[in-house]
C-alpha cells in the first residue's frame, strides 16, 4: 500500500493540496518576496478571455499574493518555503 503526501493530493479542477496553503511563504525565485500561498494549480498561458473548458496540460505552479491583497504572481512550487 502506498500513501500520498499532502503535496500530491488532487483537489479537483487542476488544483493540488499543499501543507502551506493559506500560509505566508518566501518565494526564493523572486528575491525572497513574501506572500500567501493561494493555490498550487496550472497556469493558463494564453490571454484568451473566454471560458476555460478543461484543465491545462501544464505543470502546476504556486500562486502567491501579498498579505493585504493585490496582484497574484506565480512561481515554481519548489521555490517556496514557510516564512518565519
N, C-alpha and C. Protein backbone atom coordinates (compact mmCIF):
# COMPACT_ATOMS: atom_id res chain seq x y z
N UNK A 1 0.85 -1.18 0.00
CA UNK A 1 0.00 0.00 0.00
C UNK A 1 0.89 1.24 0.00
N UNK A 2 0.59 2.18 -0.88
CA UNK A 2 1.34 3.43 -0.90
C UNK A 2 0.47 4.56 -0.38
N UNK A 3 1.09 5.51 0.24
CA UNK A 3 0.35 6.67 0.72
C UNK A 3 0.89 7.91 0.01
N UNK A 4 0.08 8.88 -0.12
CA UNK A 4 0.48 10.13 -0.76
C UNK A 4 0.70 11.19 0.31
N UNK A 5 1.68 12.05 0.04
CA UNK A 5 1.90 13.16 0.95
C UNK A 5 0.87 14.24 0.64
N UNK A 6 0.63 15.18 1.56
CA UNK A 6 -0.35 16.24 1.29
C UNK A 6 -0.04 17.03 0.04
N UNK A 7 1.21 17.12 -0.37
CA UNK A 7 1.56 17.90 -1.56
C UNK A 7 1.14 17.23 -2.85
N UNK A 8 0.68 15.99 -2.80
CA UNK A 8 0.32 15.29 -4.02
C UNK A 8 -1.17 14.95 -4.12
N UNK A 9 -1.97 15.47 -3.24
CA UNK A 9 -3.40 15.17 -3.24
C UNK A 9 -4.15 16.08 -4.20
N UNK A 10 -4.79 15.53 -5.24
CA UNK A 10 -5.57 16.39 -6.13
C UNK A 10 -6.83 16.89 -5.43
N UNK A 11 -7.15 18.17 -5.65
CA UNK A 11 -8.36 18.77 -5.07
C UNK A 11 -9.45 18.95 -6.12
N UNK A 12 -9.11 18.77 -7.37
CA UNK A 12 -10.07 18.97 -8.46
C UNK A 12 -9.78 20.24 -9.23
N UNK A 13 -10.24 20.29 -10.47
CA UNK A 13 -10.06 21.43 -11.36
C UNK A 13 -8.59 21.84 -11.50
N UNK A 14 -7.70 20.85 -11.42
CA UNK A 14 -6.28 21.10 -11.59
C UNK A 14 -5.55 21.60 -10.37
N UNK A 15 -6.26 21.79 -9.26
CA UNK A 15 -5.64 22.28 -8.02
C UNK A 15 -5.12 21.10 -7.20
N UNK A 16 -4.03 21.36 -6.47
CA UNK A 16 -3.41 20.35 -5.62
C UNK A 16 -3.31 20.84 -4.20
N UNK A 17 -3.42 19.92 -3.26
CA UNK A 17 -3.25 20.25 -1.85
C UNK A 17 -1.77 20.52 -1.57
N UNK A 18 -1.50 21.31 -0.57
CA UNK A 18 -0.13 21.61 -0.16
C UNK A 18 -0.17 22.00 1.31
N UNK A 19 0.80 21.58 2.10
CA UNK A 19 0.76 21.88 3.54
C UNK A 19 0.86 23.37 3.86
N UNK A 20 1.30 24.21 2.91
CA UNK A 20 1.43 25.64 3.18
C UNK A 20 0.30 26.48 2.60
N UNK A 21 -0.75 25.88 2.07
CA UNK A 21 -1.87 26.65 1.53
C UNK A 21 -2.44 27.58 2.59
N UNK A 22 -2.60 28.86 2.21
CA UNK A 22 -3.15 29.85 3.12
C UNK A 22 -2.14 30.43 4.10
N UNK A 23 -0.89 29.99 4.00
CA UNK A 23 0.14 30.46 4.93
C UNK A 23 1.13 31.38 4.22
N UNK A 24 1.85 32.17 4.99
CA UNK A 24 2.90 33.04 4.46
C UNK A 24 4.09 32.19 4.03
N UNK A 25 4.60 32.47 2.83
CA UNK A 25 5.76 31.75 2.31
C UNK A 25 6.77 32.74 1.74
N UNK A 26 8.00 32.29 1.62
CA UNK A 26 9.07 33.05 0.99
C UNK A 26 9.27 32.47 -0.40
N UNK A 27 9.28 33.33 -1.41
CA UNK A 27 9.49 32.92 -2.80
C UNK A 27 10.94 33.20 -3.15
N UNK A 28 11.77 32.15 -3.12
CA UNK A 28 13.20 32.32 -3.37
C UNK A 28 13.51 32.60 -4.84
N UNK A 29 12.59 32.32 -5.73
CA UNK A 29 12.81 32.59 -7.15
C UNK A 29 12.58 34.07 -7.50
N UNK A 30 11.96 34.82 -6.58
CA UNK A 30 11.66 36.23 -6.82
C UNK A 30 12.20 37.09 -5.67
N UNK A 31 13.51 37.05 -5.48
CA UNK A 31 14.20 37.89 -4.49
C UNK A 31 13.65 37.76 -3.08
N UNK A 32 13.28 36.54 -2.69
CA UNK A 32 12.77 36.26 -1.34
C UNK A 32 11.52 37.08 -1.00
N UNK A 33 10.72 37.34 -1.99
CA UNK A 33 9.45 38.05 -1.79
C UNK A 33 8.54 37.19 -0.92
N UNK A 34 7.83 37.82 -0.01
CA UNK A 34 6.94 37.10 0.90
C UNK A 34 5.50 37.29 0.45
N UNK A 35 4.75 36.21 0.42
CA UNK A 35 3.34 36.27 0.06
C UNK A 35 2.59 35.12 0.70
N UNK A 36 1.30 35.05 0.44
CA UNK A 36 0.45 33.98 0.95
C UNK A 36 0.22 33.00 -0.19
N UNK A 37 0.44 31.72 0.08
CA UNK A 37 0.20 30.69 -0.93
C UNK A 37 -1.30 30.51 -1.11
N UNK A 38 -1.79 30.86 -2.27
CA UNK A 38 -3.23 30.78 -2.56
C UNK A 38 -3.62 29.46 -3.22
N UNK A 39 -2.73 28.90 -4.06
CA UNK A 39 -3.07 27.67 -4.78
C UNK A 39 -1.82 27.05 -5.38
N UNK A 40 -1.92 25.76 -5.63
CA UNK A 40 -0.98 25.04 -6.48
C UNK A 40 -1.84 24.53 -7.62
N UNK A 41 -1.66 25.11 -8.80
CA UNK A 41 -2.52 24.80 -9.94
C UNK A 41 -1.81 25.19 -11.23
N UNK A 42 -2.25 24.63 -12.37
CA UNK A 42 -1.64 25.01 -13.64
C UNK A 42 -1.92 26.48 -13.97
N UNK A 43 -1.05 27.03 -14.79
CA UNK A 43 -1.20 28.40 -15.26
C UNK A 43 -1.68 28.36 -16.70
N UNK A 44 -2.72 29.11 -17.01
CA UNK A 44 -3.20 29.23 -18.39
C UNK A 44 -2.36 30.33 -19.02
N UNK A 45 -1.52 29.97 -19.97
CA UNK A 45 -0.56 30.91 -20.54
C UNK A 45 -1.16 31.85 -21.58
N UNK A 46 -2.16 31.40 -22.32
CA UNK A 46 -2.70 32.29 -23.36
C UNK A 46 -3.60 33.34 -22.72
N UNK A 47 -3.79 34.43 -23.39
CA UNK A 47 -4.59 35.54 -22.86
C UNK A 47 -5.99 35.56 -23.44
N UNK A 48 -6.49 34.42 -23.84
CA UNK A 48 -7.84 34.31 -24.36
C UNK A 48 -8.82 34.52 -23.21
N UNK A 49 -9.66 35.56 -23.27
CA UNK A 49 -10.56 35.85 -22.15
C UNK A 49 -11.78 34.94 -22.09
N UNK A 50 -11.85 33.93 -22.94
CA UNK A 50 -13.01 33.03 -22.96
C UNK A 50 -12.98 32.05 -21.79
N UNK A 51 -13.97 31.17 -21.78
CA UNK A 51 -14.08 30.17 -20.72
C UNK A 51 -12.98 29.12 -20.86
N UNK A 52 -12.50 28.63 -19.73
CA UNK A 52 -11.57 27.52 -19.72
C UNK A 52 -12.42 26.26 -19.60
N UNK A 53 -12.36 25.42 -20.63
CA UNK A 53 -13.23 24.25 -20.67
C UNK A 53 -12.58 22.99 -20.14
N UNK A 54 -11.26 23.02 -19.98
CA UNK A 54 -10.57 21.86 -19.43
C UNK A 54 -9.34 22.33 -18.67
N UNK A 55 -8.84 21.48 -17.82
CA UNK A 55 -7.65 21.79 -17.04
C UNK A 55 -6.46 21.81 -18.00
N UNK A 56 -5.66 22.86 -17.99
CA UNK A 56 -4.50 22.91 -18.89
C UNK A 56 -3.53 21.75 -18.61
N UNK A 57 -2.93 21.25 -19.65
CA UNK A 57 -1.98 20.15 -19.52
C UNK A 57 -0.58 20.73 -19.33
N UNK A 58 -0.41 21.46 -18.25
CA UNK A 58 0.87 22.08 -17.91
C UNK A 58 1.18 21.76 -16.45
N UNK A 59 2.45 21.80 -16.07
CA UNK A 59 2.79 21.53 -14.67
C UNK A 59 2.17 22.59 -13.75
N UNK A 60 1.83 22.20 -12.53
CA UNK A 60 1.28 23.17 -11.60
C UNK A 60 2.34 24.18 -11.14
N UNK A 61 1.89 25.37 -10.82
CA UNK A 61 2.74 26.43 -10.28
C UNK A 61 2.12 26.88 -8.96
N UNK A 62 2.93 27.56 -8.16
CA UNK A 62 2.44 28.12 -6.90
C UNK A 62 1.91 29.52 -7.18
N UNK A 63 0.69 29.78 -6.76
CA UNK A 63 0.05 31.10 -6.91
C UNK A 63 0.16 31.83 -5.58
N UNK A 64 0.81 33.00 -5.58
CA UNK A 64 1.04 33.76 -4.36
C UNK A 64 0.41 35.14 -4.47
N UNK A 65 0.06 35.72 -3.33
CA UNK A 65 -0.46 37.08 -3.28
C UNK A 65 0.09 37.75 -2.03
N UNK A 66 0.21 39.07 -2.08
CA UNK A 66 0.62 39.81 -0.90
C UNK A 66 -0.40 39.63 0.20
N UNK A 67 0.01 39.73 1.44
CA UNK A 67 -0.90 39.54 2.57
C UNK A 67 -2.10 40.47 2.52
N UNK A 68 -1.92 41.69 2.12
CA UNK A 68 -3.00 42.66 2.08
C UNK A 68 -3.80 42.61 0.79
N UNK A 69 -3.50 41.66 -0.08
CA UNK A 69 -4.19 41.55 -1.37
C UNK A 69 -3.35 42.16 -2.47
N UNK A 70 -3.88 42.16 -3.65
CA UNK A 70 -3.15 42.70 -4.79
C UNK A 70 -3.02 41.68 -5.88
N UNK A 71 -2.15 41.97 -6.81
CA UNK A 71 -1.96 41.11 -7.98
C UNK A 71 -1.20 39.84 -7.58
N UNK A 72 -1.73 38.69 -7.98
CA UNK A 72 -1.05 37.43 -7.72
C UNK A 72 0.13 37.27 -8.66
N UNK A 73 1.09 36.46 -8.24
CA UNK A 73 2.18 36.06 -9.12
C UNK A 73 2.39 34.57 -8.96
N UNK A 74 3.08 33.98 -9.92
CA UNK A 74 3.34 32.55 -9.88
C UNK A 74 4.82 32.28 -9.76
N UNK A 75 5.11 31.11 -9.22
CA UNK A 75 6.49 30.67 -9.06
C UNK A 75 6.49 29.15 -9.03
N UNK A 76 7.65 28.57 -9.11
CA UNK A 76 7.78 27.11 -9.03
C UNK A 76 7.46 26.66 -7.60
N UNK A 77 6.70 25.59 -7.46
CA UNK A 77 6.37 25.12 -6.11
C UNK A 77 7.60 24.78 -5.26
N UNK A 78 8.69 24.36 -5.88
CA UNK A 78 9.88 24.03 -5.10
C UNK A 78 10.70 25.27 -4.74
N UNK A 79 10.26 26.46 -5.14
CA UNK A 79 10.96 27.72 -4.81
C UNK A 79 10.40 28.38 -3.56
N UNK A 80 9.40 27.76 -2.93
CA UNK A 80 8.79 28.39 -1.75
C UNK A 80 9.08 27.57 -0.49
N UNK A 81 9.07 28.30 0.62
CA UNK A 81 9.16 27.66 1.93
C UNK A 81 8.41 28.54 2.93
N UNK A 82 8.07 27.98 4.06
CA UNK A 82 7.33 28.72 5.08
C UNK A 82 8.12 29.94 5.53
N UNK A 83 7.42 31.07 5.67
CA UNK A 83 8.04 32.29 6.19
C UNK A 83 8.05 32.20 7.72
N UNK A 84 9.01 32.84 8.31
CA UNK A 84 9.11 32.82 9.78
C UNK A 84 8.22 33.86 10.40
